[in-house]
Every structure is written in structure tokens, then in C-alpha cells.
Amino acid sequence: MPFVVDASIVHAWAFDEGHPTADAIRERLDVDHAVAPNLWWLEVRNGLVVGERRGRVTEMETNRFLRELLHAPIALDPLPDEGQLMALVRRHRLTVYDAAYLELALRERLPLATLDTALAAAARQEGVAVLGDAEP
């Protein structure tokens, strides 16, 4: 079943954090595909550059990771439903960026893969399955 993936999962891959949920999501992409809001493209790259500045990865490692990520079965969704997005922002006190992932999961009726605890809590409150939670 497809799922929504956020940048926190991808950053765990890039920084080789060995996070069990992130690692399981990466393996899931061998047999499934994911979708993300357009901002994911920017958010992933911003996190990598911040990682470079903090000495977590080199520019060469970032470039290699981004080349590999191009082959991942992750599609970008063009635009959220603005009314739903802003309602989620206000109801759960999320950033617009985090709410974009939740809005997509709700609209497409997909589970969400995130390591962001506030986003995961909001997803659960909205009835969205969070990958990594006890799955049936």
C-alpha cells in the first residue's frame, strides 16, 4: 500500500542514523511506493545542507545520496487543499510544512511515515495510520 513519507525519514537515511522505523520504511520502498508534497524536495535538500554545515555529511555524500534518492519510488503531489491544510495547521498547531504531509495523507487516505512526534500525534488524532506504530 502506498504511503506518505516526510523529510524526517529521509534525513535519517542520509545521516545513517540506524533508526528502526526509518530503516523499515526504506525497505518497504523495495516493494511499494511513496508520495510526498512538493515541499519535500526542498525540505530534504535543506536538511542535507544543514547536515553538511554541522559536519554530519560531506558535500560528496550529499550529492551521492541525492543521486540515489532520484531512483526511489517517491512521487511528488502538486498542491494541497488549502482549506484543509490551514484547518490542520490551526487545529493541531502544526507548521504549514508539517500539515502538508498530513493533508496529503488524509486526502489520499494513506498512512504516514514520519519521525516527527508532533506530526505523528496529529495524524493519529485525525485517524491517519502512522507507519512504525503497531501495524496489523
Protein backbone atom coordinates (compact mmCIF):
# COMPACT_ATOMS: atom_id res chain seq x y z
CA MET A 1 0.00 0.00 0.00
CA PRO A 2 1.39 3.43 -0.90
CA PHE A 3 2.19 5.87 1.91
CA VAL A 4 3.17 9.48 2.54
CA VAL A 5 6.82 9.96 3.52
CA ASP A 6 8.17 13.07 5.19
CA ALA A 7 11.66 14.54 5.21
CA SER A 8 12.47 13.30 8.73
CA ILE A 9 12.50 9.72 7.44
CA VAL A 10 14.78 10.62 4.52
CA HIS A 11 17.15 12.57 6.76
CA ALA A 12 17.52 9.51 8.97
CA TRP A 13 18.60 7.58 5.86
CA ALA A 14 21.02 10.30 4.76
CA PHE A 15 22.67 10.61 8.16
CA ASP A 16 22.75 6.83 8.59
CA GLU A 17 21.06 7.08 11.98
CA GLY A 18 20.05 3.42 12.11
CA HIS A 19 16.52 4.35 13.20
CA PRO A 20 14.36 1.18 13.09
CA THR A 21 11.27 2.93 11.68
CA ALA A 22 13.24 4.80 9.01
CA ASP A 23 15.11 1.62 8.07
CA ALA A 24 11.83 -0.31 7.78
CA ILE A 25 10.37 2.41 5.54
CA ARG A 26 13.43 2.27 3.31
CA GLU A 27 12.99 -1.49 2.95
CA ARG A 28 9.29 -1.02 2.23
CA LEU A 29 10.22 1.05 -0.83
CA ASP A 30 11.62 -2.13 -2.39
CA VAL A 31 8.04 -3.36 -2.86
CA ASP A 32 5.92 -0.23 -2.54
CA HIS A 33 5.93 3.46 -3.41
CA ALA A 34 5.51 6.69 -1.55
CA VAL A 35 4.18 10.14 -2.20
CA ALA A 36 5.15 13.49 -0.68
CA PRO A 37 4.07 17.10 -1.03
CA ASN A 38 6.22 19.24 -3.35
CA LEU A 39 7.89 20.95 -0.39
CA TRP A 40 9.54 17.60 0.44
CA TRP A 41 12.03 18.15 -2.40
CA LEU A 42 13.21 21.41 -0.81
CA GLU A 43 13.00 20.19 2.77
CA VAL A 44 15.18 17.15 2.08
CA ARG A 45 17.86 19.26 0.45
CA ASN A 46 17.77 21.91 3.15
CA GLY A 47 18.26 19.25 5.83
CA LEU A 48 21.22 17.84 3.93
CA VAL A 49 22.90 21.24 3.64
CA VAL A 50 22.34 21.85 7.36
CA GLY A 51 23.87 18.42 7.96
CA GLU A 52 26.91 19.46 5.92
CA ARG A 53 27.29 22.64 7.97
CA ARG A 54 27.14 20.61 11.17
CA GLY A 55 29.69 18.11 9.90
CA ARG A 56 27.25 15.18 9.71
CA VAL A 57 27.84 14.62 5.98
CA THR A 58 30.15 15.94 3.32
CA GLU A 59 29.13 17.63 0.11
CA MET A 60 30.19 14.48 -1.77
CA GLU A 61 28.00 12.32 0.48
CA THR A 62 25.06 14.68 -0.04
CA ASN A 63 25.47 14.53 -3.81
CA ARG A 64 25.71 10.73 -3.77
CA PHE A 65 22.66 10.43 -1.55
CA LEU A 66 20.61 12.73 -3.79
CA ARG A 67 21.57 10.71 -6.88
CA GLU A 68 20.41 7.53 -5.11
CA LEU A 69 17.22 9.23 -3.93
CA LEU A 70 16.32 10.03 -7.55
CA HIS A 71 15.74 6.30 -8.06
CA ALA A 72 13.46 5.91 -5.05
CA PRO A 73 9.80 5.34 -5.91
CA ILE A 74 8.62 8.62 -4.36
CA ALA A 75 6.19 10.79 -6.32
CA LEU A 76 5.54 14.45 -5.59
CA ASP A 77 2.00 15.73 -5.16
CA PRO A 78 1.48 19.18 -6.68
CA LEU A 79 -0.67 21.23 -4.30
CA PRO A 80 -2.64 20.61 -1.12
CA ASP A 81 -6.23 21.51 -0.46
CA GLU A 82 -5.65 24.94 1.08
CA GLY A 83 -8.74 24.96 3.28
CA GLN A 84 -7.93 21.54 4.76
CA LEU A 85 -4.26 22.48 5.14
CA MET A 86 -4.98 25.65 7.10
CA ALA A 87 -7.57 23.88 9.25
CA LEU A 88 -4.97 21.25 10.20
CA VAL A 89 -2.39 23.95 10.97
CA ARG A 90 -4.77 25.67 13.33
CA ARG A 91 -6.34 22.58 14.90
CA HIS A 92 -3.03 20.87 15.72
CA ARG A 93 -0.71 23.89 15.97
CA LEU A 94 1.48 22.43 13.21
CA THR A 95 3.72 24.30 10.80
CA VAL A 96 2.26 24.65 7.33
CA TYR A 97 5.06 22.37 6.17
CA ASP A 98 4.15 19.53 8.54
CA ALA A 99 0.45 19.99 7.88
CA ALA A 100 1.10 19.50 4.15
CA TYR A 101 2.15 15.89 4.84
CA LEU A 102 -0.91 15.28 6.98
CA GLU A 103 -3.26 16.90 4.47
CA LEU A 104 -1.89 14.65 1.73
CA ALA A 105 -2.28 11.54 3.88
CA LEU A 106 -5.88 12.49 4.68
CA ARG A 107 -6.79 13.42 1.11
CA GLU A 108 -5.33 10.27 -0.39
CA ARG A 109 -6.31 8.05 2.58
CA LEU A 110 -2.73 6.88 3.04
CA PRO A 111 -0.63 6.06 6.10
CA LEU A 112 2.11 8.48 7.08
CA ALA A 113 5.80 7.73 7.62
CA THR A 114 7.38 10.31 9.95
CA LEU A 115 9.75 10.56 12.88
CA ASP A 116 8.25 13.91 13.91
CA THR A 117 6.39 13.28 17.16
CA ALA A 118 4.05 16.29 16.87
CA LEU A 119 3.11 15.39 13.31
CA ALA A 120 2.59 11.74 14.26
CA ALA A 121 0.36 12.74 17.18
CA ALA A 122 -1.73 14.99 14.93
CA ALA A 123 -2.01 12.21 12.36
CA ARG A 124 -3.27 9.78 14.98
CA GLN A 125 -5.84 12.33 16.18
CA GLU A 126 -7.06 12.64 12.58
CA GLY A 127 -7.32 8.85 12.24
CA VAL A 128 -4.30 8.53 9.94
CA ALA A 129 -2.17 5.43 10.46
CA VAL A 130 1.43 6.22 11.35
CA LEU A 131 3.93 3.71 9.99
CA GLY A 132 6.07 2.33 12.76
CA ASP A 133 3.14 2.19 15.16
CA ALA A 134 1.98 -1.33 15.92
CA GLU A 135 0.73 -2.37 12.49
CA PRO A 136 -1.74 -5.22 11.96
